[in-house]
């Protein structure tokens, strides 16, 4: 099922009215699967900005020819939107700390796996959620932390500016918190024994645990984190013309089971939405 006003011509018309100047002529490191119909005369081009070391959402996979390609849940969802709406995109790898500024300064850029909050909503627009995260606590050996109390008196690594960073700073303001530009740096601090815990996205922690012998992962109960960690959404600069259309497309994919298919493939069956997608919420903008 395709939501009303989500055909390719309508999508192109919206973009043409809001942000045509920057949408042509870029090379692509990782393009959406479909181009627009030839009758539309031009293909709209967006830029997906984000960390490429954020498995299982975005990560580099070595291909048979030895080249590397960015894959993951977010890429699969972005490719599906591109196929349904008829745009192309390139993936531009950046550390998390630089992503917000890059997206805010462009009418044709977006990122994914972002939680909304009042502070961010002053500068950015968000789609409804496409994924429900858990907060993970990654440690080297021993018993996995499973609650806020288990994190007391621990040294904690976080990626700067993430919801996990803001969560732990709010609930344990006196904790020994160390911030880094990316998850891979946080992981290395734990592996080297310089910090006790990497507080991370739960699925990211799951991937790191599976790839590194000796790591143990705990998942905090959503009841403890829900006031700080919301659903993951697509985020773009405030007023970006394409957000309502991408939001509606995500709604279609939640309803028809496409997103659950990708979640099962890249994250695991335990993380699927199932029949209840009410927690996805709504976009911060209204689709016309």
Protein backbone atom coordinates (compact mmCIF):
# COMPACT_ATOMS: atom_id res chain seq x y z
CA UNK A 1 0.00 0.00 0.00
CA UNK A 2 1.31 3.46 -0.87
CA UNK A 3 -0.09 6.38 1.10
CA UNK A 4 -2.00 9.05 -0.78
CA UNK A 5 0.28 11.75 -2.24
CA UNK A 6 3.33 9.47 -2.07
CA UNK A 7 3.65 8.80 -5.78
CA UNK A 8 6.94 9.78 -7.39
CA UNK A 9 5.62 12.79 -9.26
CA UNK A 10 4.20 14.26 -6.04
CA UNK A 11 7.48 13.73 -4.23
CA UNK A 12 9.43 15.42 -7.01
CA UNK A 13 7.00 18.32 -7.03
CA UNK A 14 7.45 18.88 -3.32
CA UNK A 15 11.22 18.86 -3.59
CA UNK A 16 11.19 21.06 -6.66
CA UNK A 17 9.24 23.66 -4.74
CA UNK A 18 11.48 23.54 -1.68
CA UNK A 19 15.07 22.64 -2.47
CA UNK A 20 15.95 22.13 -6.12
CA UNK A 21 19.15 24.12 -6.22
CA UNK A 22 21.33 21.57 -4.45
CA UNK A 23 19.77 18.39 -5.77
CA UNK A 24 21.65 17.69 -8.97
CA UNK A 25 24.97 16.43 -10.24
CA UNK A 26 26.52 14.76 -7.15
CA UNK A 27 28.50 11.54 -7.34
CA UNK A 28 27.21 8.71 -5.20
CA UNK A 29 29.04 6.36 -2.88
CA UNK A 30 25.84 4.58 -1.91
CA UNK A 31 22.73 5.38 -3.96
CA UNK A 32 19.11 4.44 -3.50
CA UNK A 33 17.95 1.50 -5.51
CA UNK A 34 15.65 3.34 -7.90
CA UNK A 35 15.71 6.36 -10.13
CA UNK A 36 12.61 8.37 -10.90
CA UNK A 37 10.52 7.71 -13.99
CA UNK A 38 12.09 9.16 -17.11
CA UNK A 39 8.99 11.26 -17.60
CA UNK A 40 9.85 13.22 -14.46
CA UNK A 41 12.88 14.62 -16.36
CA UNK A 42 15.20 14.72 -13.35
CA UNK A 43 16.20 12.66 -10.36
CA UNK A 44 16.16 14.27 -6.94
CA UNK A 45 19.37 13.70 -4.98
CA UNK A 46 19.78 13.74 -1.19
CA UNK A 47 22.73 13.19 1.14
CA UNK A 48 22.60 10.74 4.05
CA UNK A 49 25.11 11.90 6.66
CA UNK A 50 26.18 9.54 9.42
CA UNK A 51 28.74 7.36 11.16
CA UNK A 52 29.68 4.27 9.12
CA UNK A 53 30.90 2.41 12.23
CA UNK A 54 27.50 2.17 13.92
CA UNK A 55 26.49 -1.45 13.46
CA UNK A 56 23.88 -2.79 12.92
CA UNK A 57 22.47 0.48 11.57
CA UNK A 58 25.38 1.52 9.35
CA UNK A 59 28.65 -0.30 8.88
CA UNK A 60 31.18 -1.23 6.21
CA UNK A 61 30.92 -4.69 4.65
CA UNK A 62 33.66 -6.11 2.44
CA UNK A 63 32.35 -7.22 -0.94
CA UNK A 64 33.53 -10.18 -3.06
CA UNK A 65 35.74 -7.87 -5.13
CA UNK A 66 37.44 -6.53 -2.00
CA UNK A 67 35.65 -3.19 -2.02
CA UNK A 68 33.71 -1.93 0.97
CA UNK A 69 30.04 -0.94 0.98
CA UNK A 70 27.96 0.72 3.68
CA UNK A 71 25.12 -1.59 4.74
CA UNK A 72 22.79 -1.98 7.72
CA UNK A 73 19.25 -1.32 8.89
CA UNK A 74 19.29 2.41 8.11
CA UNK A 75 20.71 1.84 4.63
CA UNK A 76 18.06 -0.80 3.88
CA UNK A 77 15.28 1.58 4.99
CA UNK A 78 16.79 4.48 3.01
CA UNK A 79 17.12 2.31 -0.10
CA UNK A 80 13.50 1.24 0.24
CA UNK A 81 12.32 4.84 0.50
CA UNK A 82 14.41 5.77 -2.53
CA UNK A 83 12.85 2.94 -4.52
CA UNK A 84 9.30 3.86 -3.51
CA UNK A 85 9.62 7.64 -3.88
CA UNK A 86 12.07 7.83 -6.75
CA UNK A 87 15.07 9.72 -5.44
CA UNK A 88 18.78 8.90 -5.22
CA UNK A 89 21.11 9.57 -2.34
CA UNK A 90 24.76 9.35 -1.44
CA UNK A 91 26.04 8.30 1.96
CA UNK A 92 28.56 10.73 3.48
CA UNK A 93 30.42 9.20 6.45
CA UNK A 94 30.97 11.52 9.40
CA UNK A 95 31.54 11.15 13.10
CA UNK A 96 28.48 11.79 15.22
CA UNK A 97 29.85 15.04 16.60
CA UNK A 98 29.90 16.56 13.08
CA UNK A 99 26.62 15.11 11.86
CA UNK A 100 24.24 17.55 13.54
CA UNK A 101 25.97 20.62 12.09
CA UNK A 102 26.15 19.05 8.62
CA UNK A 103 22.44 18.24 8.57
CA UNK A 104 21.40 21.58 10.05
CA UNK A 105 23.30 23.45 7.35
CA UNK A 106 21.70 21.68 4.38
CA UNK A 107 18.20 21.54 2.91
CA UNK A 108 18.94 18.23 1.17
CA UNK A 109 20.68 16.21 3.89
CA UNK A 110 19.31 13.83 6.47
CA UNK A 111 20.50 11.36 9.07
CA UNK A 112 18.87 8.40 10.82
CA UNK A 113 18.84 6.58 14.18
CA UNK A 114 18.13 9.89 15.95
CA UNK A 115 15.87 10.50 18.93
CA UNK A 116 13.87 13.72 19.08
CA UNK A 117 13.70 16.03 22.07
CA UNK A 118 12.59 19.65 22.57
CA UNK A 119 16.12 20.99 22.18
CA UNK A 120 16.71 19.21 18.87
CA UNK A 121 13.25 20.09 17.59
CA UNK A 122 14.20 23.77 17.66
CA UNK A 123 16.63 23.14 14.79
CA UNK A 124 15.48 19.90 13.15
CA UNK A 125 12.41 18.12 11.82
CA UNK A 126 11.80 14.43 12.50
CA UNK A 127 9.77 11.65 10.95
CA UNK A 128 7.84 9.20 13.11
CA UNK A 129 9.96 6.47 14.65
CA UNK A 130 11.03 3.43 12.66
CA UNK A 131 12.88 1.56 15.44
CA UNK A 132 12.61 1.14 19.23
CA UNK A 133 16.08 1.13 20.82
CA UNK A 134 17.32 -0.22 24.12
CA UNK A 135 20.24 1.22 26.08
CA UNK A 136 23.15 -1.21 26.29
CA UNK A 137 25.91 -1.45 28.88
CA UNK A 138 28.98 -3.15 27.43
CA UNK A 139 31.68 -4.46 29.80
CA UNK A 140 34.76 -6.65 29.54
CA UNK A 141 33.98 -9.80 31.49
CA UNK A 142 32.08 -10.09 34.75
CA UNK A 143 28.38 -9.49 35.25
CA UNK A 144 26.53 -7.29 32.78
CA UNK A 145 24.95 -4.11 34.23
CA UNK A 146 21.17 -4.28 33.98
CA UNK A 147 20.04 -1.14 35.80
CA UNK A 148 21.06 2.40 36.67
CA UNK A 149 22.14 1.20 40.11
CA UNK A 150 24.59 -1.22 38.48
CA UNK A 151 26.34 1.76 36.83
CA UNK A 152 27.07 3.63 40.04
CA UNK A 153 30.77 3.87 40.91
CA UNK A 154 31.71 2.79 37.37
CA UNK A 155 33.74 4.71 34.81
CA UNK A 156 31.50 5.12 31.77
CA UNK A 157 32.31 5.82 28.11
CA UNK A 158 29.74 7.44 25.81
CA UNK A 159 29.70 8.89 22.32
CA UNK A 160 29.55 12.68 22.68
CA UNK A 161 26.08 14.18 22.39
CA UNK A 162 24.14 10.93 22.04
CA UNK A 163 20.96 10.24 23.98
CA UNK A 164 22.90 7.67 26.01
CA UNK A 165 25.38 10.40 26.96
CA UNK A 166 22.59 12.77 27.97
CA UNK A 167 20.72 10.02 29.81
CA UNK A 168 23.60 9.01 32.06
CA UNK A 169 24.60 12.63 32.71
CA UNK A 170 21.03 13.32 33.86
CA UNK A 171 20.45 10.27 36.05
CA UNK A 172 24.00 9.99 37.47
CA UNK A 173 25.39 13.54 37.30
CA UNK A 174 28.32 12.68 39.56
CA UNK A 175 29.37 9.62 37.55
CA UNK A 176 32.84 9.26 36.04
CA UNK A 177 31.78 9.87 32.42
CA UNK A 178 34.22 9.93 29.49
CA UNK A 179 33.01 11.08 26.07
CA UNK A 180 34.47 10.23 22.65
CA UNK A 181 33.70 11.07 19.03
CA UNK A 182 32.54 7.59 18.04
CA UNK A 183 31.50 4.19 19.30
CA UNK A 184 34.66 2.50 18.08
CA UNK A 185 36.73 4.71 20.40
CA UNK A 186 34.46 3.89 23.33
CA UNK A 187 34.82 0.19 22.56
CA UNK A 188 38.61 0.40 22.53
CA UNK A 189 38.59 2.09 25.94
CA UNK A 190 36.61 -0.82 27.36
CA UNK A 191 38.77 -3.45 25.65
CA UNK A 192 41.92 -1.75 26.98
CA UNK A 193 40.52 -1.65 30.51
CA UNK A 194 40.70 2.13 30.76
CA UNK A 195 36.94 2.47 31.41
CA UNK A 196 34.49 0.00 32.92
CA UNK A 197 31.41 0.41 30.74
CA UNK A 198 30.47 1.63 27.27
CA UNK A 199 26.91 2.94 27.51
CA UNK A 200 25.60 2.50 23.99
CA UNK A 201 22.71 1.69 21.75
CA UNK A 202 21.69 -1.85 22.64
CA UNK A 203 21.85 -3.23 19.12
CA UNK A 204 25.24 -1.58 18.53
CA UNK A 205 26.44 -3.21 21.74
CA UNK A 206 25.09 -6.55 20.57
CA UNK A 207 27.16 -6.32 17.38
CA UNK A 208 30.28 -5.32 19.32
CA UNK A 209 29.82 -8.16 21.80
CA UNK A 210 29.44 -10.70 19.01
CA UNK A 211 32.61 -9.44 17.31
CA UNK A 212 34.86 -9.26 20.39
CA UNK A 213 35.52 -12.22 22.67
CA UNK A 214 35.15 -11.48 26.36
CA UNK A 215 32.63 -8.65 26.11
CA UNK A 216 29.37 -8.91 28.06
CA UNK A 217 26.27 -6.85 27.29
CA UNK A 218 23.50 -5.77 29.61
CA UNK A 219 20.28 -4.09 28.44
CA UNK A 220 18.60 -1.50 30.66
CA UNK A 221 14.85 -1.71 31.12
CA UNK A 222 12.92 0.80 29.01
CA UNK A 223 11.10 1.89 32.17
CA UNK A 224 14.39 3.44 33.37
CA UNK A 225 15.33 5.08 30.08
CA UNK A 226 12.05 6.06 28.39
CA UNK A 227 12.18 9.69 29.55
CA UNK A 228 15.54 10.15 27.81
CA UNK A 229 15.72 7.66 24.93
CA UNK A 230 12.89 7.74 22.42
CA UNK A 231 12.29 5.87 19.20
CA UNK A 232 14.83 6.28 16.41
CA UNK A 233 13.72 8.64 13.65
CA UNK A 234 14.96 10.18 10.43
CA UNK A 235 16.12 13.76 11.04
CA UNK A 236 16.61 16.71 8.67
CA UNK A 237 17.04 20.47 8.93
CA UNK A 238 13.95 22.32 10.10
CA UNK A 239 11.77 23.10 7.10
CA UNK A 240 13.38 20.52 4.77
CA UNK A 241 10.77 19.93 2.09
CA UNK A 242 11.08 16.15 1.87
CA UNK A 243 10.41 15.19 5.50
CA UNK A 244 6.58 14.77 5.32
CA UNK A 245 6.87 12.45 2.32
CA UNK A 246 9.59 10.32 3.92
CA UNK A 247 7.56 10.20 7.12
CA UNK A 248 4.49 8.89 5.31
CA UNK A 249 6.63 6.33 3.48
CA UNK A 250 7.99 5.08 6.81
CA UNK A 251 4.39 4.77 7.98
CA UNK A 252 3.62 2.55 4.99
CA UNK A 253 6.65 0.37 5.69
CA UNK A 254 5.70 -0.04 9.34
CA UNK A 255 2.19 -1.04 8.33
CA UNK A 256 3.13 -3.49 5.60
CA UNK A 257 5.88 -5.19 7.62
CA UNK A 258 8.82 -4.05 5.48
CA UNK A 259 10.67 -2.41 8.37
CA UNK A 260 10.21 -5.46 10.60
CA UNK A 261 11.72 -7.55 7.82
CA UNK A 262 14.82 -5.37 7.82
CA UNK A 263 14.97 -5.23 11.64
CA UNK A 264 14.95 -9.03 11.77
CA UNK A 265 17.71 -9.21 9.16
CA UNK A 266 20.08 -6.63 10.63
CA UNK A 267 19.22 -6.52 14.35
CA UNK A 268 17.26 -9.61 15.36
CA UNK A 269 13.72 -10.90 15.69
CA UNK A 270 13.52 -9.81 19.35
CA UNK A 271 13.73 -6.16 18.25
CA UNK A 272 10.79 -6.25 15.79
CA UNK A 273 7.72 -4.06 16.22
CA UNK A 274 5.19 -6.82 15.66
CA UNK A 275 1.53 -5.82 15.50
CA UNK A 276 1.79 -2.72 17.70
CA UNK A 277 3.57 0.26 16.15
CA UNK A 278 1.87 2.88 18.34
CA UNK A 279 5.19 3.82 19.97
CA UNK A 280 6.39 5.13 16.58
CA UNK A 281 4.56 8.34 17.39
CA UNK A 282 4.17 11.11 14.83
CA UNK A 283 6.35 13.37 12.76
CA UNK A 284 7.22 16.81 14.08
CA UNK A 285 5.81 18.22 10.83
CA UNK A 286 2.41 17.73 9.24
CA UNK A 287 2.14 16.07 5.83
CA UNK A 288 0.11 18.16 3.41
